[in-house]
Each structure stands twice: as C-alpha cells, then as structure tokens.
Amino acid sequence: MFSTGQLIFAACFVVVFTFIIIYSYRKDRKDQKEYFKGSFKIILFMIGLIFSLFLIKVYTQK
C-alpha cells in the first residue's frame, strides 16, 4: 500500500510535528496562562472520544 520511503517520511513527520506542537504549547502556556485554563480537560475529552470511536469500530465489525 505504501512504499518504505513513504512510511519513513510519515513516521519522521509525526515525530517532528509532535515535538514542535509540544514546544509551542509549553512556550505559549508560560506567556498566556489565562488562555490555557482547563485545556487538560479538553485534551482528555478528545482522547476519550477517539478511544470510544475506536471501540465502536472494533465491536461493530463482523
């Protein structure tokens, strides 16, 4: 389906993109604390939503 080069590129992209997002979030959180109140709850909700969609997919397939 995907070539080896495409898979390597995708893995590198995900890793670098994740680190950039984490760095940017931490930098902004220090400067603008009032905007990040409750963001942890939103992240947990989104992870729970993705997990529940995954469970629905797994249990409804035959």
N, C-alpha and C. Protein backbone atom coordinates (compact mmCIF):
# COMPACT_ATOMS: atom_id res chain seq x y z
N MET A 1 0.83 -1.18 0.00
CA MET A 1 0.00 0.00 0.00
C MET A 1 0.88 1.26 0.00
N PHE A 2 1.82 1.37 0.93
CA PHE A 2 2.75 2.49 0.96
C PHE A 2 4.16 1.95 0.77
N SER A 3 5.00 2.75 0.16
CA SER A 3 6.39 2.33 0.00
C SER A 3 7.14 2.56 1.31
N THR A 4 8.31 1.98 1.41
CA THR A 4 9.12 2.13 2.62
C THR A 4 9.49 3.58 2.85
N GLY A 5 9.83 4.29 1.79
CA GLY A 5 10.18 5.71 1.91
C GLY A 5 9.03 6.55 2.43
N GLN A 6 7.82 6.24 1.97
CA GLN A 6 6.65 6.99 2.44
C GLN A 6 6.38 6.73 3.91
N LEU A 7 6.55 5.49 4.34
CA LEU A 7 6.35 5.17 5.76
C LEU A 7 7.39 5.85 6.64
N ILE A 8 8.63 5.87 6.19
CA ILE A 8 9.69 6.54 6.95
C ILE A 8 9.40 8.04 7.03
N PHE A 9 9.01 8.64 5.92
CA PHE A 9 8.67 10.06 5.92
C PHE A 9 7.50 10.35 6.86
N ALA A 10 6.48 9.52 6.82
CA ALA A 10 5.31 9.73 7.68
C ALA A 10 5.69 9.63 9.15
N ALA A 11 6.52 8.65 9.51
CA ALA A 11 6.94 8.49 10.91
C ALA A 11 7.76 9.69 11.36
N CYS A 12 8.71 10.11 10.52
CA CYS A 12 9.53 11.28 10.87
C CYS A 12 8.68 12.53 10.99
N PHE A 13 7.73 12.71 10.09
CA PHE A 13 6.86 13.88 10.12
C PHE A 13 6.04 13.92 11.40
N VAL A 14 5.46 12.78 11.79
CA VAL A 14 4.65 12.73 13.00
C VAL A 14 5.48 13.05 14.23
N VAL A 15 6.68 12.51 14.31
CA VAL A 15 7.55 12.76 15.47
C VAL A 15 7.94 14.23 15.55
N VAL A 16 8.42 14.80 14.44
CA VAL A 16 8.85 16.20 14.44
C VAL A 16 7.66 17.12 14.69
N PHE A 17 6.53 16.87 14.06
CA PHE A 17 5.35 17.69 14.24
C PHE A 17 4.89 17.67 15.70
N THR A 18 4.91 16.50 16.32
CA THR A 18 4.50 16.38 17.72
C THR A 18 5.42 17.18 18.63
N PHE A 19 6.72 17.08 18.42
CA PHE A 19 7.66 17.85 19.24
C PHE A 19 7.49 19.35 19.05
N ILE A 20 7.25 19.79 17.83
CA ILE A 20 7.04 21.22 17.58
C ILE A 20 5.77 21.70 18.28
N ILE A 21 4.70 20.93 18.21
CA ILE A 21 3.45 21.31 18.87
C ILE A 21 3.63 21.37 20.39
N ILE A 22 4.32 20.38 20.96
CA ILE A 22 4.55 20.37 22.41
C ILE A 22 5.40 21.56 22.83
N TYR A 23 6.46 21.86 22.07
CA TYR A 23 7.31 23.01 22.39
C TYR A 23 6.53 24.31 22.32
N SER A 24 5.74 24.46 21.27
CA SER A 24 4.95 25.68 21.10
C SER A 24 3.93 25.83 22.21
N TYR A 25 3.28 24.73 22.59
CA TYR A 25 2.28 24.76 23.66
C TYR A 25 2.92 25.18 24.98
N ARG A 26 4.07 24.60 25.30
CA ARG A 26 4.73 24.94 26.57
C ARG A 26 5.18 26.39 26.59
N LYS A 27 5.68 26.88 25.48
CA LYS A 27 6.11 28.27 25.39
C LYS A 27 4.93 29.21 25.57
N ASP A 28 3.84 28.94 24.89
CA ASP A 28 2.65 29.80 24.99
C ASP A 28 2.00 29.70 26.37
N ARG A 29 2.05 28.54 26.97
CA ARG A 29 1.42 28.36 28.29
C ARG A 29 2.10 29.24 29.33
N LYS A 30 3.41 29.40 29.23
CA LYS A 30 4.12 30.26 30.18
C LYS A 30 3.73 31.73 30.00
N ASP A 31 3.56 32.15 28.75
CA ASP A 31 3.28 33.56 28.47
C ASP A 31 1.82 33.94 28.69
N GLN A 32 0.90 33.03 28.42
CA GLN A 32 -0.53 33.36 28.45
C GLN A 32 -1.30 32.32 29.26
N LYS A 33 -1.14 32.37 30.56
CA LYS A 33 -1.73 31.35 31.42
C LYS A 33 -3.26 31.37 31.42
N GLU A 34 -3.87 32.55 31.27
CA GLU A 34 -5.32 32.63 31.36
C GLU A 34 -6.02 31.93 30.19
N TYR A 35 -5.34 31.77 29.06
CA TYR A 35 -5.94 31.11 27.91
C TYR A 35 -5.90 29.59 28.01
N PHE A 36 -5.07 29.05 28.89
CA PHE A 36 -4.88 27.62 28.95
C PHE A 36 -5.53 26.96 30.17
N LYS A 37 -6.40 27.68 30.85
CA LYS A 37 -7.13 27.08 31.97
C LYS A 37 -8.10 26.05 31.44
N GLY A 38 -8.05 24.84 31.97
CA GLY A 38 -8.96 23.79 31.57
C GLY A 38 -8.59 23.07 30.29
N SER A 39 -7.44 23.37 29.71
CA SER A 39 -7.08 22.72 28.45
C SER A 39 -6.79 21.23 28.65
N PHE A 40 -6.37 20.85 29.84
CA PHE A 40 -6.10 19.44 30.12
C PHE A 40 -7.39 18.63 30.03
N LYS A 41 -8.51 19.20 30.48
CA LYS A 41 -9.79 18.51 30.39
C LYS A 41 -10.21 18.31 28.93
N ILE A 42 -9.94 19.29 28.10
CA ILE A 42 -10.29 19.18 26.68
C ILE A 42 -9.45 18.11 26.01
N ILE A 43 -8.16 18.05 26.35
CA ILE A 43 -7.29 17.01 25.79
C ILE A 43 -7.77 15.63 26.21
N LEU A 44 -8.12 15.46 27.48
CA LEU A 44 -8.64 14.17 27.95
C LEU A 44 -9.94 13.80 27.25
N PHE A 45 -10.81 14.78 27.04
CA PHE A 45 -12.07 14.53 26.34
C PHE A 45 -11.82 14.06 24.91
N MET A 46 -10.88 14.71 24.22
CA MET A 46 -10.60 14.33 22.84
C MET A 46 -9.98 12.94 22.76
N ILE A 47 -9.10 12.61 23.69
CA ILE A 47 -8.52 11.27 23.72
C ILE A 47 -9.60 10.24 24.00
N GLY A 48 -10.50 10.54 24.93
CA GLY A 48 -11.60 9.64 25.23
C GLY A 48 -12.54 9.47 24.05
N LEU A 49 -12.79 10.54 23.31
CA LEU A 49 -13.63 10.48 22.13
C LEU A 49 -13.01 9.58 21.05
N ILE A 50 -11.74 9.77 20.81
CA ILE A 50 -11.05 8.93 19.81
C ILE A 50 -11.05 7.48 20.24
N PHE A 51 -10.81 7.24 21.53
CA PHE A 51 -10.80 5.87 22.05
C PHE A 51 -12.18 5.23 21.93
N SER A 52 -13.22 6.00 22.24
CA SER A 52 -14.58 5.44 22.15
C SER A 52 -14.95 5.15 20.69
N LEU A 53 -14.54 6.00 19.76
CA LEU A 53 -14.80 5.72 18.34
C LEU A 53 -14.06 4.46 17.90
N PHE A 54 -12.84 4.28 18.39
CA PHE A 54 -12.09 3.07 18.08
C PHE A 54 -12.81 1.83 18.63
N LEU A 55 -13.32 1.92 19.87
CA LEU A 55 -14.04 0.79 20.45
C LEU A 55 -15.31 0.48 19.67
N ILE A 56 -16.03 1.52 19.26
CA ILE A 56 -17.24 1.30 18.47
C ILE A 56 -16.90 0.59 17.17
N LYS A 57 -15.83 1.01 16.54
CA LYS A 57 -15.40 0.38 15.28
C LYS A 57 -15.05 -1.08 15.50
N VAL A 58 -14.33 -1.37 16.57
CA VAL A 58 -13.88 -2.75 16.84
C VAL A 58 -15.07 -3.65 17.14
N TYR A 59 -15.99 -3.17 17.98
CA TYR A 59 -17.09 -4.04 18.41
C TYR A 59 -18.24 -4.13 17.42
N THR A 60 -18.29 -3.25 16.41
CA THR A 60 -19.37 -3.34 15.44
C THR A 60 -18.95 -4.05 14.15
N GLN A 61 -17.68 -4.35 14.00
CA GLN A 61 -17.23 -5.09 12.82
C GLN A 61 -17.50 -6.57 13.01
N LYS A 62 -17.80 -7.22 11.91
CA LYS A 62 -18.04 -8.68 11.98
C LYS A 62 -17.05 -9.40 11.13
